[in-house]
Every structure is written in C-alpha cells, then in structure tokens.
Amino acid sequence: MQPSISEDKHALPVCADILLMTGLHEELQWLKKVFDCEFQRMSVLGTSYLLANFTFSNRSVTIVALRQQEKGLTSSAITATKAMCLWRPKLAVMTGICAGVKGSVNLGDLVVATQFFEHSSGQLLHRGLIPLQNRVSPPPWVLDFLISLTDTTKLQELVRLGFGYSMPSEAEPRIHYGAMACGPQVIKDQSYIDMLKDNEISLLAIDMESYGLALASSMCSTYQRPVIPLVVMGVCDCADLEKTNDWHDYCSYSSAAFIRSVLEVAIGRDKICSWIKE
C-alpha cells in the first residue's frame, strides 16, 4: 500500500530526532527497505519527506528521510539546511555510495567519514587546482562510540550476511574510518585522486554530497542544540575508468544497515537515547 501524502500549508511539521538523507532514489529505497518502518509521506514547503517511528527495545525515535532532487553538494547543502530548519534533528545521517581511494579501501567496503572537505574550490594555477580543503568533522565522542562498535568484525559480518542476495564477488567488505572529499564532479582520474591524497593522507573516499550535509549541520547547530553529521558510504568504484554498477545495490544496502545497527545500540543506551530525544 502506498503511503499517504499530506500537506498543511499553515502548520510546520513536528520535530524529528534523526534526519536520514540520500543523494539518489535507489539509495533511499534501500534505506526504507532496511529500516522497514511504516513511513508516512508529507509534503512541506515544496519538499517531500518520509516520517516514521523507529522502535527497538521498547524505545522509539522519530526519523525523517528524504533524497535530494539533484546531484551535488550545493543541492545537498540546501536540502539538508531546509530539512534541519523544519525538523530540528539532533543527528543528520547520509548513506549511499562513494568512490574509494585505490590501495586504501576495496570495493564493497564501508567508509565512516571522520572529516569532510570540499575539493573543488581553491586556487587555479598553471599546474591545476589547489583545493582549499575547508573541513567539517563529527565530534570525537561520536567517532569513539562508532569505533567501539566496530573494533571487532561482528558488526561488519552481521551487515554482510543480512544482504540476502548474492555478492558481486567473494570479497569480505571491511569498515574504515577516514577523510571524505566532496565535489560537484564525477571523477575518473587517478592522478587527481593522487593529488588529493598527497594533501590529505587519511583520504579514503570521494563523493558528491557529504560536505553539503556536514556544512549544513555545522551552520544549523547552536550551543544548546548541536546537529551531529554522520556519513557512512559504501565503496562502489575507485574513481577511475573501470567504473561499474556491480556494487551499487550492496553498498546502498550496507551503509543503511550499518546505520540501523548503530541506532539500535544507541537507543538501547539510556544516556544516548535521552540525548537524541531531548
């Protein structure tokens, strides 16, 4: 049964605890399938949102999910800012696919972003672009919590086994933590990736939306109510001419499944659940 569509031009939506956002329609479909909630579709100020309660261990948090209408970090930043102003979430999450840095990650791996930077702005010289690499990072305590959940292979094995379809290869995907570069271009140039890597040794992934969500989280935060950005993406290619779609479904699934597993642990803990809902 299709979810109902409702719109009240005179009323703002209720607050949501968590914003879940994707860049592509297919990524949102996998997110909905993984969370398996009864989503209600709402159209607010020209944007369509999916609203649901996610319940685990007799506790519930309100999530609002959407995808951006256009690719790229500009659309991501505007879409995320609008959603944060309307719904006032404590946690802003993005899942989906990314390109990985060859030699640092493998196809199918998950990358949890420890910092985000935008690589398409900077100085244009005769040798090419020198990126400014302005950065946004999640708080250290958030990363410490995530690392505590993934310091063994239990979670990654749980995610992999829950896919329910044949894998693109016999690889055993891993979870990595590192920097994510973001820009408006689809990159198929190993030399450009090498240049970015030279300027940021922890670089693991490249995408087109993460910095927009992270910057919106930073600028929508206040002292009393910070918005925490969390981006987890699956490596579906290596930003070169060998791009295929083989890993798209698994990476869209696994990034969403990772977030669901993390939220199950989080809302099962008194202090974290209270912080999300306060």
Protein backbone atom coordinates (compact mmCIF):
# COMPACT_ATOMS: atom_id res chain seq x y z
CA MET A 1 0.00 0.00 0.00
CA GLN A 2 1.37 3.41 -0.95
CA PRO A 3 1.97 5.90 1.90
CA SER A 4 -0.46 8.78 2.11
CA ILE A 5 0.53 12.27 1.03
CA SER A 6 -0.49 15.17 3.19
CA GLU A 7 0.29 18.86 3.32
CA ASP A 8 -0.79 21.59 5.71
CA LYS A 9 0.41 24.94 4.44
CA HIS A 10 -0.28 26.59 7.77
CA ALA A 11 1.45 24.14 10.09
CA LEU A 12 5.08 23.19 10.48
CA PRO A 13 5.93 19.51 10.99
CA VAL A 14 6.69 18.04 14.38
CA CYS A 15 10.35 17.76 15.34
CA ALA A 16 12.27 14.67 14.29
CA ASP A 17 15.13 13.15 16.26
CA ILE A 18 17.13 11.93 13.26
CA LEU A 19 17.43 13.07 9.65
CA LEU A 20 18.27 10.33 7.14
CA MET A 21 19.29 11.63 3.74
CA THR A 22 20.49 10.12 0.47
CA GLY A 23 21.68 11.53 -2.82
CA LEU A 24 19.97 9.02 -5.11
CA HIS A 25 16.49 7.50 -5.34
CA GLU A 26 17.91 3.96 -5.28
CA GLU A 27 19.79 4.71 -2.06
CA LEU A 28 16.58 5.94 -0.41
CA GLN A 29 14.74 2.79 -1.50
CA TRP A 30 17.37 0.60 0.16
CA LEU A 31 17.23 2.77 3.30
CA LYS A 32 13.45 2.32 3.50
CA LYS A 33 13.80 -1.42 2.97
CA VAL A 34 16.47 -1.79 5.66
CA PHE A 35 14.62 0.26 8.29
CA ASP A 36 11.31 -1.47 7.47
CA CYS A 37 9.21 1.22 9.17
CA GLU A 38 5.72 2.45 8.36
CA PHE A 39 6.67 5.68 6.62
CA GLN A 40 4.16 8.50 6.21
CA ARG A 41 4.84 10.80 3.27
CA MET A 42 4.49 14.52 3.99
CA SER A 43 4.96 17.44 1.64
CA VAL A 44 6.14 20.54 3.48
CA LEU A 45 7.02 23.80 1.75
CA GLY A 46 7.53 22.06 -1.57
CA THR A 47 9.68 19.17 -0.35
CA SER A 48 8.50 15.59 0.18
CA TYR A 49 9.59 13.85 3.39
CA LEU A 50 9.11 10.36 4.80
CA LEU A 51 8.29 10.33 8.50
CA ALA A 52 8.37 7.24 10.76
CA ASN A 53 8.97 5.98 14.27
CA PHE A 54 11.88 3.58 14.61
CA THR A 55 11.39 1.29 17.60
CA PHE A 56 13.90 -1.01 19.24
CA SER A 57 13.96 -2.49 22.77
CA ASN A 58 10.64 -0.77 23.55
CA ARG A 59 12.14 2.63 22.79
CA SER A 60 11.28 4.80 19.84
CA VAL A 61 12.88 7.67 17.95
CA THR A 62 11.34 9.77 15.20
CA ILE A 63 13.15 9.71 11.87
CA VAL A 64 12.57 11.80 8.76
CA ALA A 65 14.03 10.59 5.48
CA LEU A 66 14.44 12.12 2.04
CA ARG A 67 16.65 12.26 -1.00
CA GLN A 68 17.90 15.39 -2.68
CA GLN A 69 16.39 16.26 -6.05
CA GLU A 70 19.66 16.98 -7.84
CA LYS A 71 23.17 15.58 -7.54
CA GLY A 72 25.98 17.56 -5.98
CA LEU A 73 27.00 19.28 -2.77
CA THR A 74 25.06 22.51 -3.47
CA SER A 75 21.76 20.64 -3.67
CA SER A 76 22.82 18.58 -0.66
CA ALA A 77 23.58 21.65 1.45
CA ILE A 78 20.32 23.41 0.55
CA THR A 79 18.18 20.29 1.01
CA ALA A 80 19.82 19.44 4.33
CA THR A 81 19.56 23.01 5.64
CA LYS A 82 15.87 23.17 4.80
CA ALA A 83 15.23 19.83 6.49
CA MET A 84 17.19 20.83 9.60
CA CYS A 85 15.33 24.13 9.95
CA LEU A 86 11.96 22.37 9.59
CA TRP A 87 12.55 19.21 11.61
CA ARG A 88 15.30 20.24 14.09
CA PRO A 89 17.04 16.82 14.29
CA LYS A 90 19.89 16.08 16.68
CA LEU A 91 21.59 13.70 14.22
CA ALA A 92 21.94 14.18 10.44
CA VAL A 93 22.87 10.98 8.61
CA MET A 94 23.77 10.28 4.98
CA THR A 95 24.07 6.81 3.45
CA GLY A 96 24.75 5.60 -0.07
CA ILE A 97 27.64 5.04 -2.44
CA CYS A 98 31.03 6.66 -2.91
CA ALA A 99 34.28 6.20 -4.79
CA GLY A 100 37.20 4.80 -2.83
CA VAL A 101 40.90 5.57 -2.91
CA LYS A 102 42.58 2.63 -4.61
CA GLY A 103 45.08 0.91 -2.35
CA SER A 104 43.40 2.24 0.81
CA VAL A 105 39.96 0.60 0.54
CA ASN A 106 38.39 -2.17 -1.55
CA LEU A 107 35.13 -2.42 -3.45
CA GLY A 108 32.25 -3.09 -1.09
CA ASP A 109 34.00 -1.61 1.96
CA LEU A 110 32.22 0.92 4.17
CA VAL A 111 33.79 4.31 4.89
CA VAL A 112 32.78 6.23 8.01
CA ALA A 113 33.80 9.85 7.44
CA THR A 114 35.97 11.33 10.21
CA GLN A 115 36.20 14.63 8.37
CA PHE A 116 34.72 16.17 5.25
CA PHE A 117 36.31 18.63 2.87
CA GLU A 118 35.30 20.22 -0.40
CA HIS A 119 37.94 19.74 -3.10
CA SER A 120 36.57 21.86 -5.96
CA SER A 121 37.28 25.35 -4.54
CA GLY A 122 40.73 26.89 -4.30
CA GLN A 123 43.43 28.46 -6.44
CA LEU A 124 43.60 27.69 -10.15
CA LEU A 125 47.24 27.79 -11.28
CA HIS A 126 49.05 26.61 -14.38
CA ARG A 127 49.55 23.21 -12.77
CA GLY A 128 45.86 22.86 -11.97
CA LEU A 129 43.59 23.43 -8.99
CA ILE A 130 44.99 23.67 -5.46
CA PRO A 131 41.98 22.89 -3.23
CA LEU A 132 41.31 24.96 -0.11
CA GLN A 133 40.01 21.85 1.65
CA ASN A 134 37.85 23.61 4.23
CA ARG A 135 36.85 20.94 6.75
CA VAL A 136 33.99 19.84 8.94
CA SER A 137 34.25 16.93 11.37
CA PRO A 138 31.90 14.97 13.64
CA PRO A 139 32.66 15.34 17.37
CA PRO A 140 35.35 12.96 18.65
CA TRP A 141 32.94 11.29 21.10
CA VAL A 142 30.68 10.23 18.22
CA LEU A 143 33.60 8.64 16.37
CA ASP A 144 34.78 6.98 19.58
CA PHE A 145 31.31 5.47 20.07
CA LEU A 146 31.28 4.14 16.49
CA ILE A 147 34.80 2.71 16.76
CA SER A 148 33.80 0.93 19.97
CA LEU A 149 31.09 -0.86 17.97
CA THR A 150 33.36 -1.82 15.10
CA ASP A 151 36.60 -2.79 16.80
CA THR A 152 35.72 -6.42 16.02
CA THR A 153 34.36 -7.96 12.83
CA LYS A 154 30.99 -8.81 14.42
CA LEU A 155 29.10 -5.80 13.01
CA GLN A 156 30.57 -5.99 9.52
CA GLU A 157 29.78 -9.71 9.34
CA LEU A 158 26.22 -9.01 10.52
CA VAL A 159 25.80 -6.38 7.80
CA ARG A 160 27.22 -8.59 5.08
CA LEU A 161 25.14 -11.65 5.99
CA GLY A 162 21.96 -9.59 6.14
CA PHE A 163 22.10 -8.59 2.46
CA GLY A 164 20.09 -11.61 1.35
CA TYR A 165 21.37 -11.57 -2.25
CA SER A 166 24.47 -12.87 -3.97
CA MET A 167 27.51 -10.66 -3.53
CA PRO A 168 29.25 -9.17 -6.59
CA SER A 169 32.39 -11.08 -5.60
CA GLU A 170 33.76 -13.25 -2.81
CA ALA A 171 35.29 -10.22 -1.11
CA GLU A 172 34.66 -9.68 2.59
CA PRO A 173 33.98 -5.94 2.93
CA ARG A 174 35.52 -4.05 5.85
CA ILE A 175 34.71 -0.86 7.78
CA HIS A 176 37.18 2.04 7.58
CA TYR A 177 37.45 5.47 9.19
CA GLY A 178 38.98 8.40 7.33
CA ALA A 179 38.55 11.62 5.38
CA MET A 180 35.97 12.07 2.62
CA ALA A 181 36.47 14.58 -0.20
CA CYS A 182 33.43 16.10 -1.85
CA GLY A 183 32.92 17.96 -5.11
CA PRO A 184 30.44 18.51 -7.95
CA GLN A 185 32.23 16.32 -10.50
CA VAL A 186 32.15 12.61 -11.24
CA ILE A 187 35.87 11.82 -11.10
CA LYS A 188 37.54 9.27 -13.38
CA ASP A 189 41.12 10.44 -12.99
CA GLN A 190 43.63 8.58 -10.82
CA SER A 191 46.16 11.44 -11.00
CA TYR A 192 43.62 13.82 -9.43
CA ILE A 193 42.92 11.35 -6.63
CA ASP A 194 46.67 11.03 -6.05
CA MET A 195 46.93 14.81 -5.73
CA LEU A 196 44.13 14.89 -3.15
CA LYS A 197 45.77 12.01 -1.29
CA ASP A 198 49.09 13.87 -1.22
CA ASN A 199 47.36 16.76 0.56
CA GLU A 200 45.38 14.55 2.96
CA ILE A 201 47.00 11.28 3.96
CA SER A 202 43.81 9.99 5.65
CA LEU A 203 41.70 10.36 2.48
CA LEU A 204 39.67 7.21 1.83
CA ALA A 205 36.70 8.25 -0.28
CA ILE A 206 35.29 10.79 -2.74
CA ASP A 207 31.63 11.67 -3.22
CA MET A 208 29.36 14.49 -4.39
CA GLU A 209 27.13 15.22 -1.37
CA SER A 210 28.73 14.60 2.04
CA TYR A 211 30.28 18.03 2.61
CA GLY A 212 26.91 19.70 1.93
CA LEU A 213 25.25 17.73 4.74
CA ALA A 214 28.20 18.27 7.09
CA LEU A 215 28.37 22.02 6.43
CA ALA A 216 24.61 22.38 6.89
CA SER A 217 24.88 20.51 10.21
CA SER A 218 27.64 22.83 11.37
CA MET A 219 25.81 26.02 10.38
CA CYS A 220 22.44 24.88 11.77
CA SER A 221 23.98 23.95 15.13
CA THR A 222 23.60 26.08 18.21
CA TYR A 223 25.25 25.86 21.60
CA GLN A 224 22.10 24.40 23.14
CA ARG A 225 21.16 22.17 20.22
CA PRO A 226 24.04 20.90 18.06
CA VAL A 227 23.36 18.87 14.91
CA ILE A 228 25.78 15.96 14.56
CA PRO A 229 26.72 14.90 11.00
CA LEU A 230 27.30 11.22 10.33
CA VAL A 231 28.13 9.95 6.83
CA VAL A 232 28.63 6.27 6.05
CA MET A 233 29.02 5.18 2.44
CA GLY A 234 29.89 2.02 0.54
CA VAL A 235 32.75 1.96 -1.95
CA CYS A 236 31.29 1.08 -5.36
CA ASP A 237 34.23 2.14 -7.58
CA CYS A 238 37.71 3.66 -7.43
CA ALA A 239 37.13 6.92 -9.35
CA ASP A 240 38.75 5.56 -12.50
CA LEU A 241 37.73 4.34 -15.94
CA GLU A 242 36.82 0.90 -14.57
CA LYS A 243 33.55 2.13 -13.03
CA THR A 244 30.69 -0.38 -12.99
CA ASN A 245 27.34 -0.64 -11.22
CA ASP A 246 28.07 -4.07 -9.74
CA TRP A 247 28.39 -2.83 -6.16
CA HIS A 248 25.65 -0.16 -6.14
CA ASP A 249 22.94 -2.26 -4.51
CA TYR A 250 25.16 -3.82 -1.87
CA CYS A 251 26.77 -0.51 -0.93
CA SER A 252 23.41 1.26 -0.70
CA TYR A 253 22.16 -1.60 1.48
CA SER A 254 25.24 -1.95 3.69
CA SER A 255 25.54 1.74 4.53
CA ALA A 256 21.87 1.81 5.60
CA ALA A 257 22.23 -1.48 7.52
CA PHE A 258 25.28 -0.10 9.36
CA ILE A 259 23.30 2.96 10.46
CA ARG A 260 20.35 0.85 11.58
CA SER A 261 22.66 -1.36 13.67
CA VAL A 262 24.29 1.70 15.25
CA LEU A 263 20.91 3.25 16.08
CA GLU A 264 19.73 0.02 17.68
CA VAL A 265 22.69 0.16 20.06
CA ALA A 266 22.32 3.91 20.64
CA ILE A 267 18.64 3.92 21.60
CA GLY A 268 19.27 0.91 23.81
CA ARG A 269 21.56 3.02 26.00
CA ASP A 270 19.90 5.39 28.46
CA LYS A 271 22.17 8.42 28.11
CA ILE A 272 22.47 8.33 24.34
CA CYS A 273 18.74 7.80 23.82
CA SER A 274 17.96 10.68 26.20
CA TRP A 275 20.39 12.93 24.33
CA ILE A 276 18.85 12.11 20.94
CA LYS A 277 15.33 12.81 22.19
CA GLU A 278 15.90 15.80 24.49
